[in-house]
N, C-alpha and C. Protein backbone atom coordinates (compact mmCIF):
# COMPACT_ATOMS: atom_id res chain seq x y z
N MET A 1 194.57 100.33 62.81
CA MET A 1 194.63 98.91 62.53
C MET A 1 193.87 98.63 61.26
N SER A 2 194.38 97.70 60.47
CA SER A 2 193.67 97.34 59.24
C SER A 2 193.91 95.87 58.96
N SER A 3 193.08 95.33 58.11
CA SER A 3 193.25 93.93 57.72
C SER A 3 193.03 93.83 56.23
N ALA A 4 193.70 92.91 55.64
CA ALA A 4 193.56 92.72 54.20
C ALA A 4 192.37 91.82 53.91
N SER A 5 191.72 92.10 52.83
CA SER A 5 190.65 91.22 52.35
C SER A 5 190.73 91.23 50.83
N GLY A 6 189.90 90.46 50.21
CA GLY A 6 189.89 90.42 48.76
C GLY A 6 189.47 91.73 48.13
N HIS A 7 188.90 92.62 48.91
CA HIS A 7 188.40 93.89 48.37
C HIS A 7 189.25 95.07 48.81
N GLY A 8 190.47 94.83 49.33
CA GLY A 8 191.29 95.91 49.84
C GLY A 8 191.33 95.86 51.35
N ALA A 9 192.08 96.78 51.93
CA ALA A 9 192.28 96.80 53.37
C ALA A 9 191.23 97.67 54.04
N ILE A 10 190.62 97.14 55.08
CA ILE A 10 189.67 97.90 55.90
C ILE A 10 190.45 98.45 57.09
N ALA A 11 190.39 99.74 57.27
CA ALA A 11 191.07 100.39 58.40
C ALA A 11 190.01 100.91 59.36
N LEU A 12 190.24 100.70 60.66
CA LEU A 12 189.34 101.19 61.70
C LEU A 12 190.01 102.37 62.40
N ARG A 13 189.19 103.37 62.76
CA ARG A 13 189.70 104.50 63.54
C ARG A 13 188.52 105.17 64.24
N HIS A 14 188.85 106.03 65.20
CA HIS A 14 187.81 106.80 65.88
C HIS A 14 187.42 107.99 65.00
N ALA A 15 186.16 108.35 65.04
CA ALA A 15 185.65 109.47 64.24
C ALA A 15 185.64 110.73 65.08
N GLY A 16 185.70 111.86 64.39
CA GLY A 16 185.60 113.16 65.03
C GLY A 16 184.61 114.03 64.28
N PRO A 17 184.44 115.27 64.74
CA PRO A 17 183.48 116.19 64.11
C PRO A 17 183.68 116.37 62.60
N ALA A 18 184.92 116.31 62.15
CA ALA A 18 185.20 116.49 60.72
C ALA A 18 184.65 115.34 59.87
N ASP A 19 184.29 114.24 60.51
CA ASP A 19 183.76 113.07 59.79
C ASP A 19 182.25 113.08 59.65
N ALA A 20 181.58 114.11 60.16
CA ALA A 20 180.11 114.13 60.22
C ALA A 20 179.47 113.89 58.86
N ALA A 21 179.90 114.58 57.83
CA ALA A 21 179.27 114.44 56.51
C ALA A 21 179.48 113.03 55.96
N ALA A 22 180.68 112.47 56.13
CA ALA A 22 180.96 111.13 55.62
C ALA A 22 180.19 110.06 56.38
N VAL A 23 180.03 110.24 57.70
CA VAL A 23 179.24 109.30 58.49
C VAL A 23 177.77 109.38 58.08
N ALA A 24 177.27 110.60 57.91
CA ALA A 24 175.88 110.78 57.48
C ALA A 24 175.66 110.20 56.09
N ALA A 25 176.68 110.23 55.24
CA ALA A 25 176.58 109.67 53.89
C ALA A 25 176.52 108.15 53.91
N VAL A 26 176.85 107.54 55.03
CA VAL A 26 176.65 106.10 55.23
C VAL A 26 175.28 105.87 55.85
N PHE A 27 174.94 106.68 56.85
CA PHE A 27 173.70 106.50 57.61
C PHE A 27 172.45 106.60 56.74
N SER A 28 172.33 107.67 55.98
CA SER A 28 171.10 107.90 55.20
C SER A 28 170.77 106.77 54.24
N PRO A 29 171.68 106.36 53.35
CA PRO A 29 171.31 105.26 52.43
C PRO A 29 171.13 103.93 53.14
N SER A 30 171.82 103.73 54.26
CA SER A 30 171.66 102.49 55.01
C SER A 30 170.26 102.40 55.61
N VAL A 31 169.80 103.49 56.23
CA VAL A 31 168.45 103.50 56.81
C VAL A 31 167.40 103.31 55.71
N ARG A 32 167.63 103.89 54.55
CA ARG A 32 166.66 103.81 53.48
C ARG A 32 166.56 102.41 52.86
N LEU A 33 167.51 101.54 53.16
CA LEU A 33 167.40 100.14 52.76
C LEU A 33 166.29 99.43 53.53
N LEU A 34 165.97 99.95 54.72
CA LEU A 34 164.95 99.34 55.57
C LEU A 34 163.58 99.82 55.10
N THR A 35 163.12 99.24 54.00
CA THR A 35 161.92 99.73 53.33
C THR A 35 160.64 99.55 54.15
N PHE A 36 160.70 98.75 55.20
CA PHE A 36 159.53 98.57 56.07
C PHE A 36 159.34 99.76 57.01
N LEU A 37 160.34 100.65 57.11
CA LEU A 37 160.24 101.81 58.00
C LEU A 37 159.56 102.98 57.31
N PRO A 38 158.80 103.76 58.07
CA PRO A 38 158.29 105.02 57.51
C PRO A 38 159.47 105.98 57.31
N ARG A 39 159.41 106.79 56.29
CA ARG A 39 160.47 107.78 56.03
C ARG A 39 160.15 109.01 56.87
N LEU A 40 160.83 109.17 58.01
CA LEU A 40 160.52 110.23 58.95
C LEU A 40 161.44 111.44 58.84
N HIS A 41 162.64 111.25 58.27
CA HIS A 41 163.63 112.32 58.26
C HIS A 41 164.25 112.49 56.88
N THR A 42 164.60 113.73 56.58
CA THR A 42 165.29 114.03 55.33
C THR A 42 166.78 113.71 55.49
N VAL A 43 167.50 113.68 54.39
CA VAL A 43 168.94 113.48 54.43
C VAL A 43 169.60 114.59 55.25
N GLU A 44 169.12 115.81 55.12
CA GLU A 44 169.67 116.93 55.90
C GLU A 44 169.41 116.73 57.40
N GLU A 45 168.24 116.25 57.76
CA GLU A 45 167.95 115.97 59.17
C GLU A 45 168.85 114.84 59.69
N ASP A 46 169.10 113.84 58.84
CA ASP A 46 170.03 112.76 59.22
C ASP A 46 171.41 113.34 59.53
N ARG A 47 171.88 114.25 58.67
CA ARG A 47 173.21 114.84 58.86
C ARG A 47 173.27 115.61 60.18
N ARG A 48 172.22 116.38 60.47
CA ARG A 48 172.19 117.13 61.74
C ARG A 48 172.16 116.18 62.94
N PHE A 49 171.42 115.07 62.83
CA PHE A 49 171.37 114.07 63.89
C PHE A 49 172.76 113.49 64.15
N ILE A 50 173.48 113.16 63.10
CA ILE A 50 174.84 112.63 63.25
C ILE A 50 175.74 113.68 63.90
N THR A 51 175.67 114.91 63.41
CA THR A 51 176.53 115.99 63.91
C THR A 51 176.19 116.38 65.34
N ASP A 52 174.91 116.64 65.60
CA ASP A 52 174.48 117.24 66.87
C ASP A 52 174.20 116.25 67.99
N VAL A 53 173.96 114.99 67.65
CA VAL A 53 173.63 114.00 68.68
C VAL A 53 174.69 112.90 68.73
N ILE A 54 174.83 112.16 67.65
CA ILE A 54 175.67 110.97 67.67
C ILE A 54 177.14 111.29 67.91
N LEU A 55 177.70 112.23 67.17
CA LEU A 55 179.13 112.54 67.36
C LEU A 55 179.41 113.27 68.67
N LYS A 56 178.37 113.82 69.28
CA LYS A 56 178.55 114.50 70.58
C LYS A 56 178.32 113.56 71.75
N ASP A 57 177.36 112.65 71.63
CA ASP A 57 176.96 111.80 72.76
C ASP A 57 177.63 110.42 72.77
N CYS A 58 178.22 110.02 71.66
CA CYS A 58 178.71 108.65 71.53
C CYS A 58 180.19 108.61 71.16
N GLU A 59 180.78 107.46 71.43
CA GLU A 59 182.10 107.14 70.89
C GLU A 59 181.83 106.51 69.53
N VAL A 60 182.33 107.12 68.48
CA VAL A 60 182.04 106.66 67.13
C VAL A 60 183.32 106.14 66.48
N SER A 61 183.24 104.92 65.98
CA SER A 61 184.34 104.32 65.23
C SER A 61 183.90 104.16 63.79
N VAL A 62 184.85 104.30 62.88
CA VAL A 62 184.53 104.15 61.46
C VAL A 62 185.43 103.10 60.84
N ALA A 63 184.91 102.48 59.80
CA ALA A 63 185.69 101.57 58.96
C ALA A 63 185.88 102.26 57.63
N GLU A 64 187.12 102.31 57.19
CA GLU A 64 187.44 102.95 55.92
C GLU A 64 187.98 101.92 54.95
N LEU A 65 187.60 102.08 53.71
CA LEU A 65 188.11 101.25 52.63
C LEU A 65 188.61 102.21 51.56
N GLU A 66 189.88 102.12 51.27
CA GLU A 66 190.51 103.01 50.28
C GLU A 66 190.22 104.48 50.60
N GLY A 67 190.29 104.83 51.89
CA GLY A 67 190.13 106.21 52.32
C GLY A 67 188.70 106.70 52.45
N ARG A 68 187.73 105.84 52.18
CA ARG A 68 186.31 106.22 52.25
C ARG A 68 185.66 105.55 53.45
N ILE A 69 184.92 106.32 54.27
CA ILE A 69 184.16 105.73 55.36
C ILE A 69 183.03 104.92 54.77
N VAL A 70 183.01 103.62 55.08
CA VAL A 70 182.00 102.72 54.51
C VAL A 70 181.07 102.14 55.58
N SER A 71 181.46 102.30 56.86
CA SER A 71 180.65 101.77 57.95
C SER A 71 181.01 102.53 59.22
N PHE A 72 180.06 102.59 60.16
CA PHE A 72 180.36 103.23 61.44
C PHE A 72 179.56 102.57 62.56
N LEU A 73 180.12 102.66 63.76
CA LEU A 73 179.48 102.14 64.96
C LEU A 73 179.53 103.25 65.99
N ALA A 74 178.37 103.58 66.57
CA ALA A 74 178.26 104.59 67.62
C ALA A 74 177.88 103.88 68.92
N ARG A 75 178.71 104.08 69.94
CA ARG A 75 178.51 103.38 71.21
C ARG A 75 178.48 104.39 72.35
N ASP A 76 177.54 104.19 73.27
CA ASP A 76 177.43 104.99 74.48
C ASP A 76 177.53 104.00 75.65
N GLY A 77 178.73 103.83 76.18
CA GLY A 77 178.94 102.82 77.22
C GLY A 77 178.73 101.44 76.63
N GLN A 78 177.82 100.68 77.24
CA GLN A 78 177.52 99.33 76.75
C GLN A 78 176.46 99.32 75.66
N GLU A 79 175.92 100.48 75.34
CA GLU A 79 174.83 100.57 74.36
C GLU A 79 175.38 100.88 72.96
N VAL A 80 175.15 99.96 72.03
CA VAL A 80 175.46 100.25 70.62
C VAL A 80 174.26 101.02 70.09
N ARG A 81 174.43 102.31 69.90
CA ARG A 81 173.32 103.16 69.45
C ARG A 81 173.04 102.97 67.97
N LEU A 82 174.10 102.90 67.18
CA LEU A 82 173.96 102.75 65.73
C LEU A 82 175.10 101.90 65.18
N LEU A 83 174.79 101.09 64.20
CA LEU A 83 175.80 100.38 63.41
C LEU A 83 175.24 100.32 62.00
N HIS A 84 175.87 101.04 61.09
CA HIS A 84 175.39 101.11 59.72
C HIS A 84 176.54 100.96 58.74
N THR A 85 176.27 100.29 57.64
CA THR A 85 177.22 100.13 56.55
C THR A 85 176.56 100.65 55.28
N HIS A 86 177.34 101.36 54.48
CA HIS A 86 176.81 101.86 53.21
C HIS A 86 176.36 100.67 52.37
N PRO A 87 175.21 100.77 51.70
CA PRO A 87 174.69 99.63 50.92
C PRO A 87 175.69 99.05 49.92
N ASP A 88 176.55 99.87 49.35
CA ASP A 88 177.52 99.37 48.36
C ASP A 88 178.60 98.49 48.99
N PHE A 89 178.69 98.48 50.32
CA PHE A 89 179.78 97.78 50.99
C PHE A 89 179.31 96.71 51.97
N ILE A 90 178.01 96.43 52.00
CA ILE A 90 177.49 95.38 52.88
C ILE A 90 178.07 94.04 52.45
N GLY A 91 178.50 93.25 53.42
CA GLY A 91 179.04 91.93 53.15
C GLY A 91 180.54 91.89 52.97
N ARG A 92 181.21 93.02 53.12
CA ARG A 92 182.66 93.06 52.95
C ARG A 92 183.43 93.00 54.27
N GLY A 93 182.69 92.92 55.38
CA GLY A 93 183.35 92.72 56.68
C GLY A 93 183.55 93.96 57.52
N ALA A 94 183.20 95.12 57.01
CA ALA A 94 183.45 96.36 57.76
C ALA A 94 182.63 96.41 59.05
N GLY A 95 181.34 96.13 58.97
CA GLY A 95 180.48 96.16 60.15
C GLY A 95 180.90 95.14 61.19
N GLY A 96 181.25 93.95 60.74
CA GLY A 96 181.72 92.92 61.66
C GLY A 96 183.00 93.31 62.36
N ARG A 97 183.91 93.93 61.62
CA ARG A 97 185.17 94.40 62.23
C ARG A 97 184.88 95.44 63.31
N LEU A 98 183.95 96.37 63.03
CA LEU A 98 183.61 97.39 64.02
C LEU A 98 182.98 96.77 65.26
N LEU A 99 182.09 95.81 65.07
CA LEU A 99 181.43 95.16 66.20
C LEU A 99 182.43 94.37 67.04
N GLU A 100 183.32 93.65 66.39
CA GLU A 100 184.32 92.88 67.13
C GLU A 100 185.27 93.82 67.88
N ALA A 101 185.62 94.96 67.29
CA ALA A 101 186.47 95.93 67.97
C ALA A 101 185.76 96.50 69.20
N ALA A 102 184.45 96.75 69.09
CA ALA A 102 183.68 97.27 70.24
C ALA A 102 183.69 96.26 71.38
N LYS A 103 183.68 94.97 71.06
CA LYS A 103 183.72 93.94 72.10
C LYS A 103 185.05 93.94 72.84
N GLN A 104 186.10 94.45 72.19
CA GLN A 104 187.42 94.49 72.82
C GLN A 104 187.60 95.69 73.73
N GLU A 105 186.66 96.63 73.69
CA GLU A 105 186.75 97.80 74.55
C GLU A 105 186.49 97.39 76.00
N ASP A 106 186.56 98.33 76.91
CA ASP A 106 186.41 98.06 78.34
C ASP A 106 184.92 97.93 78.70
N VAL A 107 184.29 96.87 78.20
CA VAL A 107 182.88 96.60 78.49
C VAL A 107 182.72 95.12 78.83
N GLU A 108 181.81 94.86 79.72
CA GLU A 108 181.49 93.46 80.07
C GLU A 108 180.38 92.92 79.17
N ALA A 109 179.62 93.84 78.58
CA ALA A 109 178.50 93.44 77.73
C ALA A 109 178.22 94.57 76.74
N LEU A 110 177.52 94.23 75.68
CA LEU A 110 177.00 95.21 74.73
C LEU A 110 175.54 94.89 74.51
N GLU A 111 174.72 95.94 74.38
CA GLU A 111 173.30 95.76 74.07
C GLU A 111 172.92 96.70 72.94
N LEU A 112 171.89 96.33 72.22
CA LEU A 112 171.41 97.15 71.11
C LEU A 112 169.99 96.77 70.77
N TRP A 113 169.33 97.68 70.04
CA TRP A 113 167.99 97.43 69.49
C TRP A 113 168.12 97.17 68.00
N CYS A 114 167.31 96.27 67.49
CA CYS A 114 167.23 95.99 66.06
C CYS A 114 165.75 95.81 65.72
N PHE A 115 165.32 96.33 64.60
CA PHE A 115 163.92 96.13 64.21
C PHE A 115 163.68 94.66 63.94
N GLN A 116 162.53 94.16 64.40
CA GLN A 116 162.21 92.75 64.19
C GLN A 116 162.19 92.39 62.71
N ALA A 117 161.76 93.31 61.87
CA ALA A 117 161.66 93.04 60.43
C ALA A 117 163.02 93.10 59.72
N ASN A 118 164.06 93.53 60.41
CA ASN A 118 165.40 93.62 59.81
C ASN A 118 166.07 92.25 59.93
N ILE A 119 165.64 91.33 59.10
CA ILE A 119 166.11 89.95 59.17
C ILE A 119 167.62 89.85 58.95
N GLY A 120 168.14 90.60 57.99
CA GLY A 120 169.58 90.58 57.74
C GLY A 120 170.36 91.09 58.94
N GLY A 121 169.90 92.17 59.54
CA GLY A 121 170.55 92.71 60.72
C GLY A 121 170.51 91.72 61.89
N ARG A 122 169.37 91.10 62.07
CA ARG A 122 169.22 90.13 63.16
C ARG A 122 170.16 88.94 62.97
N ARG A 123 170.25 88.45 61.73
CA ARG A 123 171.17 87.34 61.45
C ARG A 123 172.61 87.76 61.74
N PHE A 124 172.95 88.99 61.35
CA PHE A 124 174.29 89.52 61.57
C PHE A 124 174.62 89.56 63.06
N TYR A 125 173.74 90.14 63.88
CA TYR A 125 174.01 90.23 65.31
C TYR A 125 174.08 88.85 65.95
N GLU A 126 173.20 87.95 65.58
CA GLU A 126 173.22 86.60 66.14
C GLU A 126 174.49 85.86 65.75
N ALA A 127 174.97 86.07 64.52
CA ALA A 127 176.22 85.45 64.08
C ALA A 127 177.42 85.99 64.86
N HIS A 128 177.28 87.19 65.43
CA HIS A 128 178.34 87.80 66.22
C HIS A 128 178.12 87.59 67.72
N GLY A 129 177.29 86.61 68.08
CA GLY A 129 177.16 86.20 69.46
C GLY A 129 176.13 86.94 70.30
N PHE A 130 175.31 87.78 69.68
CA PHE A 130 174.27 88.49 70.41
C PHE A 130 173.05 87.59 70.57
N LYS A 131 172.40 87.69 71.72
CA LYS A 131 171.19 86.91 72.02
C LYS A 131 170.01 87.86 72.20
N ALA A 132 168.86 87.49 71.64
CA ALA A 132 167.64 88.27 71.83
C ALA A 132 167.20 88.14 73.28
N ILE A 133 166.92 89.28 73.93
CA ILE A 133 166.51 89.24 75.34
C ILE A 133 165.14 89.88 75.57
N ALA A 134 164.62 90.60 74.58
CA ALA A 134 163.29 91.23 74.73
C ALA A 134 162.75 91.59 73.36
N PHE A 135 161.44 91.53 73.25
CA PHE A 135 160.75 91.93 72.01
C PHE A 135 159.71 92.98 72.38
N THR A 136 159.54 94.00 71.52
CA THR A 136 158.55 95.04 71.80
C THR A 136 157.51 95.10 70.69
N ASP A 137 156.45 95.82 70.96
CA ASP A 137 155.39 96.03 69.97
C ASP A 137 155.65 97.27 69.11
N GLY A 138 156.78 97.94 69.33
CA GLY A 138 157.12 99.11 68.52
C GLY A 138 156.78 100.44 69.14
N GLN A 139 156.15 100.44 70.30
CA GLN A 139 155.75 101.71 70.91
C GLN A 139 156.91 102.47 71.53
N ARG A 140 158.09 101.86 71.66
CA ARG A 140 159.23 102.53 72.28
C ARG A 140 160.04 103.36 71.29
N ASN A 141 159.83 103.21 69.99
CA ASN A 141 160.63 103.95 69.01
C ASN A 141 159.78 104.88 68.18
N GLU A 142 160.41 105.89 67.59
CA GLU A 142 159.66 106.89 66.84
C GLU A 142 159.04 106.33 65.56
N GLU A 143 159.56 105.23 65.06
CA GLU A 143 159.02 104.62 63.85
C GLU A 143 157.76 103.79 64.13
N LYS A 144 157.50 103.53 65.42
CA LYS A 144 156.36 102.70 65.83
C LYS A 144 156.42 101.33 65.15
N THR A 145 157.63 100.75 65.16
CA THR A 145 157.90 99.48 64.49
C THR A 145 158.45 98.49 65.52
N PRO A 146 157.91 97.29 65.61
CA PRO A 146 158.39 96.31 66.59
C PRO A 146 159.89 96.07 66.49
N ASP A 147 160.52 95.98 67.66
CA ASP A 147 161.95 95.74 67.66
C ASP A 147 162.32 94.66 68.66
N VAL A 148 163.60 94.33 68.65
CA VAL A 148 164.12 93.28 69.52
C VAL A 148 165.38 93.81 70.19
N ARG A 149 165.53 93.51 71.46
CA ARG A 149 166.70 93.91 72.24
C ARG A 149 167.69 92.76 72.21
N TYR A 150 168.94 93.05 71.86
CA TYR A 150 170.00 92.05 71.82
C TYR A 150 171.06 92.36 72.87
N ARG A 151 171.69 91.30 73.36
CA ARG A 151 172.77 91.44 74.35
C ARG A 151 173.88 90.45 74.04
N TRP A 152 175.10 90.94 74.15
CA TRP A 152 176.31 90.11 74.10
C TRP A 152 177.04 90.30 75.42
N GLU A 153 177.52 89.20 76.01
CA GLU A 153 178.27 89.27 77.26
C GLU A 153 179.63 88.63 77.08
N ARG A 154 180.61 89.28 77.67
CA ARG A 154 181.98 88.72 77.65
C ARG A 154 181.96 87.37 78.38
N ALA A 155 182.62 86.40 77.83
CA ALA A 155 182.64 85.05 78.43
C ALA A 155 183.46 85.04 79.70
């Protein structure tokens, strides 16, 4: 499925093992935009995480623009584990398309964690109907950074 926009057509599809490098090439620069986070992993460690954990444990969907993966969403049941868009493509609708497609799957609700300091991410999730349901002091994540739990429920 794809939709036209002023910047070309965004196509959504499921990812497989062959997409690991392209997904990691979105993940690493996206995480590095979050300058409030400590830098805990190398680009190579990010790639191994995508290959060995995310693509094995999650259902991963990608958004492609002109044949290039520009955004991805990793979901484990009702849990959105990761949603990242390459910095060059933020604001073009790819992440929103992935999130809306995840809502159409066989789930009654979706939940996710977002860092409290990620104001842009929080605005994005709230604009897509997610509600904050819990706040932490950061002790639950490896970055030791306060986060917020979001939930969306089917009406």
